[in-house]
Amino acid sequence: MALIQICKAFHELTPDELYDMLRLRSEVFVVEQNCVFPDMDDKDQLCHHILFYNEDRVLVATSRLVPAGIAYPDMMSIGRIVTSQLVRGTGVGKELVEFSIGECFRLFGKGPIRIGAQLYAKEFYERFGFEQSSEVYDEDGIDHIKMEKQV
């Protein structure tokens, strides 16, 4: 599958790209996972955003790259990692995480990365070198763990 891979700061996003990103996050995190949570948390404006579009110009995956000091005082982070049902099981999620890690290093320099992962995805993130760094905690009714990737 040929993907259009975009990395932009928030202020560089077009209105259509912003809408696509927020719609996909809402479709998966709110509707599909039946989880009411404040997605608009005033961090997006301080982040870079990864957008993967398919050849039909449909957004199929997105993540946000968070500089140190925003989500965690001492570490950069990748958050809001999401893939559309259209591409699950095709390797797009793997490609998204690899691209996100590479862009974090390019934008913020080499350093450790922390994520807040849904517990069920622990093994998925371990494939990229992330290791569990916290006990299980509840976030919006879903079990999560902190994970860190050291350089």
C-alpha atoms as a PDB file:
ATOM      1  CA  MET A   1       0.000   0.000   0.000  1.00  0.00           C
ATOM      2  CA  ALA A   2       1.431   3.351  -1.027  1.00  0.00           C
ATOM      3  CA  LEU A   3       1.084   5.891   1.775  1.00  0.00           C
ATOM      4  CA  ILE A   4       1.519   9.635   1.769  1.00  0.00           C
ATOM      5  CA  GLN A   5       3.486  10.316   4.968  1.00  0.00           C
ATOM      6  CA  ILE A   6       3.289  13.819   6.406  1.00  0.00           C
ATOM      7  CA  CYS A   7       4.925  15.344   9.485  1.00  0.00           C
ATOM      8  CA  LYS A   8       3.835  18.880  10.352  1.00  0.00           C
ATOM      9  CA  ALA A   9       3.791  21.226  13.295  1.00  0.00           C
ATOM     10  CA  PHE A  10       0.259  22.037  14.439  1.00  0.00           C
ATOM     11  CA  HIS A  11       0.276  25.519  12.891  1.00  0.00           C
ATOM     12  CA  GLU A  12       1.244  24.000   9.518  1.00  0.00           C
ATOM     13  CA  LEU A  13      -1.769  21.684   9.342  1.00  0.00           C
ATOM     14  CA  THR A  14      -4.428  22.622   6.827  1.00  0.00           C
ATOM     15  CA  PRO A  15      -8.018  22.808   8.084  1.00  0.00           C
ATOM     16  CA  ASP A  16      -8.768  19.563   6.201  1.00  0.00           C
ATOM     17  CA  GLU A  17      -5.752  17.775   7.756  1.00  0.00           C
ATOM     18  CA  LEU A  18      -6.744  18.938  11.246  1.00  0.00           C
ATOM     19  CA  TYR A  19     -10.328  17.783  10.678  1.00  0.00           C
ATOM     20  CA  ASP A  20      -9.157  14.401   9.338  1.00  0.00           C
ATOM     21  CA  MET A  21      -6.871  13.894  12.337  1.00  0.00           C
ATOM     22  CA  LEU A  22      -9.498  14.791  14.929  1.00  0.00           C
ATOM     23  CA  ARG A  23     -12.136  12.716  13.133  1.00  0.00           C
ATOM     24  CA  LEU A  24      -9.949   9.578  13.072  1.00  0.00           C
ATOM     25  CA  ARG A  25      -9.001   9.986  16.730  1.00  0.00           C
ATOM     26  CA  SER A  26     -12.683  10.398  17.615  1.00  0.00           C
ATOM     27  CA  GLU A  27     -13.763   7.411  15.490  1.00  0.00           C
ATOM     28  CA  VAL A  28     -11.303   5.094  17.233  1.00  0.00           C
ATOM     29  CA  PHE A  29     -10.774   6.430  20.758  1.00  0.00           C
ATOM     30  CA  VAL A  30     -14.296   7.673  21.454  1.00  0.00           C
ATOM     31  CA  VAL A  31     -16.692   5.656  19.276  1.00  0.00           C
ATOM     32  CA  GLU A  32     -14.902   2.345  18.654  1.00  0.00           C
ATOM     33  CA  GLN A  33     -13.410   2.064  22.161  1.00  0.00           C
ATOM     34  CA  ASN A  34     -16.537   3.546  23.752  1.00  0.00           C
ATOM     35  CA  CYS A  35     -14.443   5.957  25.797  1.00  0.00           C
ATOM     36  CA  VAL A  36     -15.457   9.474  26.638  1.00  0.00           C
ATOM     37  CA  PHE A  37     -12.308  11.524  27.242  1.00  0.00           C
ATOM     38  CA  PRO A  38     -11.027  15.052  26.614  1.00  0.00           C
ATOM     39  CA  ASP A  39      -9.093  14.569  23.356  1.00  0.00           C
ATOM     40  CA  MET A  40      -8.566  18.322  22.995  1.00  0.00           C
ATOM     41  CA  ASP A  41      -6.080  18.716  25.849  1.00  0.00           C
ATOM     42  CA  ASP A  42      -4.195  21.860  24.755  1.00  0.00           C
ATOM     43  CA  LYS A  43      -1.092  19.820  23.861  1.00  0.00           C
ATOM     44  CA  ASP A  44      -1.747  19.423  20.132  1.00  0.00           C
ATOM     45  CA  GLN A  45      -0.739  23.033  19.469  1.00  0.00           C
ATOM     46  CA  LEU A  46       2.738  22.336  20.912  1.00  0.00           C
ATOM     47  CA  CYS A  47       3.322  19.123  18.961  1.00  0.00           C
ATOM     48  CA  HIS A  48       4.177  17.810  15.524  1.00  0.00           C
ATOM     49  CA  HIS A  49       1.666  15.475  13.915  1.00  0.00           C
ATOM     50  CA  ILE A  50       2.148  12.450  11.695  1.00  0.00           C
ATOM     51  CA  LEU A  51      -0.532  11.853   9.080  1.00  0.00           C
ATOM     52  CA  PHE A  52      -0.639   8.795   6.810  1.00  0.00           C
ATOM     53  CA  TYR A  53      -3.014   9.085   3.864  1.00  0.00           C
ATOM     54  CA  ASN A  54      -3.804   6.269   1.462  1.00  0.00           C
ATOM     55  CA  GLU A  55      -3.886   6.674  -2.304  1.00  0.00           C
ATOM     56  CA  ASP A  56      -7.546   7.785  -2.107  1.00  0.00           C
ATOM     57  CA  ARG A  57      -6.510  10.641   0.232  1.00  0.00           C
ATOM     58  CA  VAL A  58      -8.212   9.021   3.244  1.00  0.00           C
ATOM     59  CA  LEU A  59      -6.384   9.439   6.544  1.00  0.00           C
ATOM     60  CA  VAL A  60      -5.582   5.910   7.758  1.00  0.00           C
ATOM     61  CA  ALA A  61      -3.152   6.569  10.630  1.00  0.00           C
ATOM     62  CA  THR A  62      -1.938   9.399  12.820  1.00  0.00           C
ATOM     63  CA  SER A  63       0.181  10.132  15.879  1.00  0.00           C
ATOM     64  CA  ARG A  64       1.462  13.174  17.712  1.00  0.00           C
ATOM     65  CA  LEU A  65       5.070  13.859  18.611  1.00  0.00           C
ATOM     66  CA  VAL A  66       5.420  15.615  21.933  1.00  0.00           C
ATOM     67  CA  PRO A  67       8.596  17.484  22.917  1.00  0.00           C
ATOM     68  CA  ALA A  68      10.020  16.988  26.408  1.00  0.00           C
ATOM     69  CA  GLY A  69       8.350  19.209  28.981  1.00  0.00           C
ATOM     70  CA  ILE A  70       4.812  18.895  27.593  1.00  0.00           C
ATOM     71  CA  ALA A  71       3.510  15.412  28.523  1.00  0.00           C
ATOM     72  CA  TYR A  72       6.531  14.433  30.625  1.00  0.00           C
ATOM     73  CA  PRO A  73       9.026  16.871  32.148  1.00  0.00           C
ATOM     74  CA  ASP A  74      12.111  14.856  31.264  1.00  0.00           C
ATOM     75  CA  MET A  75      11.243  12.990  28.069  1.00  0.00           C
ATOM     76  CA  MET A  76       9.788  13.381  24.607  1.00  0.00           C
ATOM     77  CA  SER A  77       6.736  11.298  23.863  1.00  0.00           C
ATOM     78  CA  ILE A  78       4.618   9.828  21.109  1.00  0.00           C
ATOM     79  CA  GLY A  79       0.888   9.920  21.721  1.00  0.00           C
ATOM     80  CA  ARG A  80      -2.507   9.554  20.097  1.00  0.00           C
ATOM     81  CA  ILE A  81      -1.171   6.628  18.042  1.00  0.00           C
ATOM     82  CA  VAL A  82      -4.115   5.414  16.001  1.00  0.00           C
ATOM     83  CA  THR A  83      -4.872   3.443  12.853  1.00  0.00           C
ATOM     84  CA  SER A  84      -8.129   3.199  10.974  1.00  0.00           C
ATOM     85  CA  GLN A  85     -10.002  -0.092  10.809  1.00  0.00           C
ATOM     86  CA  LEU A  86      -9.373   0.111   7.046  1.00  0.00           C
ATOM     87  CA  VAL A  87      -5.685  -0.767   7.503  1.00  0.00           C
ATOM     88  CA  ARG A  88      -5.426  -2.834  10.664  1.00  0.00           C
ATOM     89  CA  GLY A  89      -3.390  -5.973  10.157  1.00  0.00           C
ATOM     90  CA  THR A  90      -1.605  -4.586   7.081  1.00  0.00           C
ATOM     91  CA  GLY A  91       1.574  -3.292   8.767  1.00  0.00           C
ATOM     92  CA  VAL A  92       0.534   0.364   8.679  1.00  0.00           C
ATOM     93  CA  GLY A  93       0.627   0.567  12.499  1.00  0.00           C
ATOM     94  CA  LYS A  94       4.186  -0.752  12.500  1.00  0.00           C
ATOM     95  CA  GLU A  95       5.144   1.744   9.813  1.00  0.00           C
ATOM     96  CA  LEU A  96       3.485   4.553  11.808  1.00  0.00           C
ATOM     97  CA  VAL A  97       5.425   3.785  14.995  1.00  0.00           C
ATOM     98  CA  GLU A  98       8.752   3.418  13.157  1.00  0.00           C
ATOM     99  CA  PHE A  99       8.186   6.687  11.295  1.00  0.00           C
ATOM    100  CA  SER A 100       7.116   8.439  14.513  1.00  0.00           C
ATOM    101  CA  ILE A 101      10.264   7.327  16.355  1.00  0.00           C
ATOM    102  CA  GLY A 102      12.456   8.504  13.483  1.00  0.00           C
ATOM    103  CA  GLU A 103      10.726  11.879  13.328  1.00  0.00           C
ATOM    104  CA  CYS A 104      11.039  12.320  17.124  1.00  0.00           C
ATOM    105  CA  PHE A 105      14.797  11.838  16.824  1.00  0.00           C
ATOM    106  CA  ARG A 106      14.994  14.175  13.814  1.00  0.00           C
ATOM    107  CA  LEU A 107      12.940  16.934  15.454  1.00  0.00           C
ATOM    108  CA  PHE A 108      13.968  16.697  19.100  1.00  0.00           C
ATOM    109  CA  GLY A 109      17.345  14.896  18.996  1.00  0.00           C
ATOM    110  CA  LYS A 110      18.290  11.405  20.124  1.00  0.00           C
ATOM    111  CA  GLY A 111      16.928  10.601  23.538  1.00  0.00           C
ATOM    112  CA  PRO A 112      14.559   8.337  25.397  1.00  0.00           C
ATOM    113  CA  ILE A 113      10.889   8.294  24.381  1.00  0.00           C
ATOM    114  CA  ARG A 114       7.998   7.612  26.764  1.00  0.00           C
ATOM    115  CA  ILE A 115       4.509   6.511  25.760  1.00  0.00           C
ATOM    116  CA  GLY A 116       1.314   5.837  27.654  1.00  0.00           C
ATOM    117  CA  ALA A 117       0.238   2.582  26.041  1.00  0.00           C
ATOM    118  CA  GLN A 118      -2.994   0.705  26.310  1.00  0.00           C
ATOM    119  CA  LEU A 119      -2.110  -2.510  28.120  1.00  0.00           C
ATOM    120  CA  TYR A 120      -3.352  -4.785  25.342  1.00  0.00           C
ATOM    121  CA  ALA A 121      -0.762  -3.213  22.973  1.00  0.00           C
ATOM    122  CA  LYS A 122       2.251  -3.878  25.235  1.00  0.00           C
ATOM    123  CA  GLU A 123       3.740  -6.618  23.028  1.00  0.00           C
ATOM    124  CA  PHE A 124       3.255  -4.491  19.926  1.00  0.00           C
ATOM    125  CA  TYR A 125       5.332  -1.641  21.386  1.00  0.00           C
ATOM    126  CA  GLU A 126       7.955  -4.017  22.758  1.00  0.00           C
ATOM    127  CA  ARG A 127       8.843  -4.853  19.128  1.00  0.00           C
ATOM    128  CA  PHE A 128      10.158  -1.280  18.800  1.00  0.00           C
ATOM    129  CA  GLY A 129      12.286  -1.419  21.941  1.00  0.00           C
ATOM    130  CA  PHE A 130       9.769   0.036  24.402  1.00  0.00           C
ATOM    131  CA  GLU A 131       9.849  -1.471  27.891  1.00  0.00           C
ATOM    132  CA  GLN A 132       7.197  -1.240  30.591  1.00  0.00           C
ATOM    133  CA  SER A 133       8.144   1.413  33.152  1.00  0.00           C
ATOM    134  CA  SER A 134       5.058   1.644  35.371  1.00  0.00           C
ATOM    135  CA  GLU A 135       2.388  -0.418  37.013  1.00  0.00           C
ATOM    136  CA  VAL A 136      -0.948  -0.764  35.232  1.00  0.00           C
ATOM    137  CA  TYR A 137      -3.140   2.309  35.725  1.00  0.00           C
ATOM    138  CA  ASP A 138      -6.629   3.261  34.656  1.00  0.00           C
ATOM    139  CA  GLU A 139      -6.976   6.056  32.134  1.00  0.00           C
ATOM    140  CA  ASP A 140     -10.530   6.848  31.101  1.00  0.00           C
ATOM    141  CA  GLY A 141     -11.677   3.314  31.933  1.00  0.00           C
ATOM    142  CA  ILE A 142      -8.916   1.564  29.936  1.00  0.00           C
ATOM    143  CA  ASP A 143      -5.856  -0.177  31.443  1.00  0.00           C
ATOM    144  CA  HIS A 144      -2.641   1.611  30.472  1.00  0.00           C
ATOM    145  CA  ILE A 145       1.075   1.356  31.236  1.00  0.00           C
ATOM    146  CA  LYS A 146       3.943   3.741  30.749  1.00  0.00           C
ATOM    147  CA  MET A 147       6.616   2.422  28.405  1.00  0.00           C
ATOM    148  CA  GLU A 148      10.046   3.823  27.570  1.00  0.00           C
ATOM    149  CA  LYS A 149      12.411   3.387  24.684  1.00  0.00           C
ATOM    150  CA  GLN A 150      16.021   4.079  25.583  1.00  0.00           C
ATOM    151  CA  VAL A 151      18.551   5.136  22.970  1.00  0.00           C
END
